[in-house]
Every structure is written in structure tokens, then in C-alpha cells.
Amino acid sequence: MADKAQERIKYQTERWRFLCLLTVAVGGGSLSLLLGTPTLFRAGLAILGLLATVVLIAVIWRQDRRIVALIEQITKEEV
């Protein structure tokens, strides 16, 4: 039973890492759009990118809480 939970934690942790990298990439792309020549199209894309970054940060926070809950579950099962 603990092996299954450990595999879930590994999967969730890999997912967390991917989301972190995705957040940095999207946020960096959005900032680079803002640093270019100001046009309405670029500003719209940058705003969408920044909104996506905020959503990804919320998903990362939720993912972190899920990983912590899984770890607590394993420690309770072992006791």
C-alpha cells in the first residue's frame, strides 16, 4: 500500500516541477512581450500571459498542498 502512495507522490512531484517550469516560461514570455515595441496586440498577449501565470501559480499551490497531504497519509499508515 505504501508503494502505491509513494508512486503517487513521485508523479505529483514531477507534475509540480513541470508546472513550475511552465510558469517561469510563460511569465518570462509575457515580460518579454511587454519590453518590446508597445502595440495593442502585444499588450493583449502579455496580459493573457500574465493571467495564465497567476492561474499556474494557483495550480502549483494546490499541487503542493496535495503532495503534503499524500506525505502525511503515508506517515499515518506507517505508524
C-alpha atoms as a PDB file:
ATOM      1  CA  MET A   1       0.000   0.000   0.000  1.00  0.00           C
ATOM      2  CA  ALA A   2       2.814   2.404   0.834  1.00  0.00           C
ATOM      3  CA  ASP A   3       4.442   1.703  -2.551  1.00  0.00           C
ATOM      4  CA  LYS A   4       1.335   2.888  -4.363  1.00  0.00           C
ATOM      5  CA  ALA A   5       1.241   6.065  -2.291  1.00  0.00           C
ATOM      6  CA  GLN A   6       4.958   6.661  -2.894  1.00  0.00           C
ATOM      7  CA  GLU A   7       4.420   6.350  -6.634  1.00  0.00           C
ATOM      8  CA  ARG A   8       1.583   8.868  -6.408  1.00  0.00           C
ATOM      9  CA  ILE A   9       3.908  11.259  -4.592  1.00  0.00           C
ATOM     10  CA  LYS A  10       6.586  10.808  -7.282  1.00  0.00           C
ATOM     11  CA  TYR A  11       4.015  11.517 -10.005  1.00  0.00           C
ATOM     12  CA  GLN A  12       2.630  14.560  -8.200  1.00  0.00           C
ATOM     13  CA  THR A  13       6.159  15.892  -7.594  1.00  0.00           C
ATOM     14  CA  GLU A  14       7.080  15.559 -11.269  1.00  0.00           C
ATOM     15  CA  ARG A  15       3.856  17.340 -12.159  1.00  0.00           C
ATOM     16  CA  TRP A  16       4.766  20.111  -9.663  1.00  0.00           C
ATOM     17  CA  ARG A  17       8.193  20.544 -11.287  1.00  0.00           C
ATOM     18  CA  PHE A  18       6.650  20.742 -14.753  1.00  0.00           C
ATOM     19  CA  LEU A  19       4.154  23.371 -13.600  1.00  0.00           C
ATOM     20  CA  CYS A  20       6.941  25.448 -12.047  1.00  0.00           C
ATOM     21  CA  LEU A  21       8.948  25.386 -15.276  1.00  0.00           C
ATOM     22  CA  LEU A  22       5.849  26.212 -17.289  1.00  0.00           C
ATOM     23  CA  THR A  23       5.091  29.173 -15.020  1.00  0.00           C
ATOM     24  CA  VAL A  24       8.600  30.573 -15.443  1.00  0.00           C
ATOM     25  CA  ALA A  25       8.416  30.143 -19.222  1.00  0.00           C
ATOM     26  CA  VAL A  26       5.001  31.776 -19.579  1.00  0.00           C
ATOM     27  CA  GLY A  27       5.866  34.599 -17.190  1.00  0.00           C
ATOM     28  CA  GLY A  28       9.174  35.260 -18.947  1.00  0.00           C
ATOM     29  CA  GLY A  29       7.488  35.285 -22.334  1.00  0.00           C
ATOM     30  CA  SER A  30       4.879  37.720 -21.083  1.00  0.00           C
ATOM     31  CA  LEU A  31       7.517  40.071 -19.726  1.00  0.00           C
ATOM     32  CA  SER A  32       9.474  39.940 -22.976  1.00  0.00           C
ATOM     33  CA  LEU A  33       6.315  40.963 -24.828  1.00  0.00           C
ATOM     34  CA  LEU A  34       5.978  43.977 -22.548  1.00  0.00           C
ATOM     35  CA  LEU A  35       9.576  45.056 -23.161  1.00  0.00           C
ATOM     36  CA  GLY A  36       9.143  45.234 -26.948  1.00  0.00           C
ATOM     37  CA  THR A  37       7.558  47.944 -29.038  1.00  0.00           C
ATOM     38  CA  PRO A  38       4.205  48.765 -27.466  1.00  0.00           C
ATOM     39  CA  THR A  39       1.282  47.675 -29.622  1.00  0.00           C
ATOM     40  CA  LEU A  40      -2.227  46.725 -28.635  1.00  0.00           C
ATOM     41  CA  PHE A  41      -1.707  43.140 -29.835  1.00  0.00           C
ATOM     42  CA  ARG A  42       1.478  42.687 -27.793  1.00  0.00           C
ATOM     43  CA  ALA A  43      -0.140  44.196 -24.723  1.00  0.00           C
ATOM     44  CA  GLY A  44      -3.106  41.825 -25.082  1.00  0.00           C
ATOM     45  CA  LEU A  45      -0.839  38.815 -25.383  1.00  0.00           C
ATOM     46  CA  ALA A  46       1.212  39.957 -22.389  1.00  0.00           C
ATOM     47  CA  ILE A  47      -1.913  40.394 -20.273  1.00  0.00           C
ATOM     48  CA  LEU A  48      -3.131  36.922 -21.256  1.00  0.00           C
ATOM     49  CA  GLY A  49       0.284  35.509 -20.397  1.00  0.00           C
ATOM     50  CA  LEU A  50       0.322  37.204 -17.015  1.00  0.00           C
ATOM     51  CA  LEU A  51      -3.173  35.909 -16.265  1.00  0.00           C
ATOM     52  CA  ALA A  52      -2.022  32.419 -17.238  1.00  0.00           C
ATOM     53  CA  THR A  53       0.934  32.836 -14.878  1.00  0.00           C
ATOM     54  CA  VAL A  54      -1.375  33.727 -11.986  1.00  0.00           C
ATOM     55  CA  VAL A  55      -3.537  30.681 -12.725  1.00  0.00           C
ATOM     56  CA  LEU A  56      -0.456  28.437 -12.892  1.00  0.00           C
ATOM     57  CA  ILE A  57       0.754  29.771  -9.534  1.00  0.00           C
ATOM     58  CA  ALA A  58      -2.616  28.857  -8.012  1.00  0.00           C
ATOM     59  CA  VAL A  59      -2.387  25.365  -9.517  1.00  0.00           C
ATOM     60  CA  ILE A  60       1.159  24.963  -8.161  1.00  0.00           C
ATOM     61  CA  TRP A  61      -0.003  25.978  -4.688  1.00  0.00           C
ATOM     62  CA  ARG A  62      -2.822  23.425  -4.832  1.00  0.00           C
ATOM     63  CA  GLN A  63      -0.428  20.761  -6.107  1.00  0.00           C
ATOM     64  CA  ASP A  64       1.917  21.464  -3.206  1.00  0.00           C
ATOM     65  CA  ARG A  65      -0.934  21.025  -0.715  1.00  0.00           C
ATOM     66  CA  ARG A  66      -1.832  17.715  -2.374  1.00  0.00           C
ATOM     67  CA  ILE A  67       1.746  16.426  -2.089  1.00  0.00           C
ATOM     68  CA  VAL A  68       1.885  17.380   1.587  1.00  0.00           C
ATOM     69  CA  ALA A  69      -1.402  15.564   2.217  1.00  0.00           C
ATOM     70  CA  LEU A  70      -0.082  12.424   0.498  1.00  0.00           C
ATOM     71  CA  ILE A  71       3.089  12.503   2.596  1.00  0.00           C
ATOM     72  CA  GLU A  72       1.034  12.866   5.771  1.00  0.00           C
ATOM     73  CA  GLN A  73      -1.120   9.947   4.648  1.00  0.00           C
ATOM     74  CA  ILE A  74       1.943   7.732   4.227  1.00  0.00           C
ATOM     75  CA  THR A  75       3.342   8.663   7.623  1.00  0.00           C
ATOM     76  CA  LYS A  76      -0.006   7.847   9.287  1.00  0.00           C
ATOM     77  CA  GLU A  77      -0.138   4.458   7.541  1.00  0.00           C
ATOM     78  CA  GLU A  78       3.375   3.557   8.677  1.00  0.00           C
ATOM     79  CA  VAL A  79       2.621   4.256  12.337  1.00  0.00           C
END
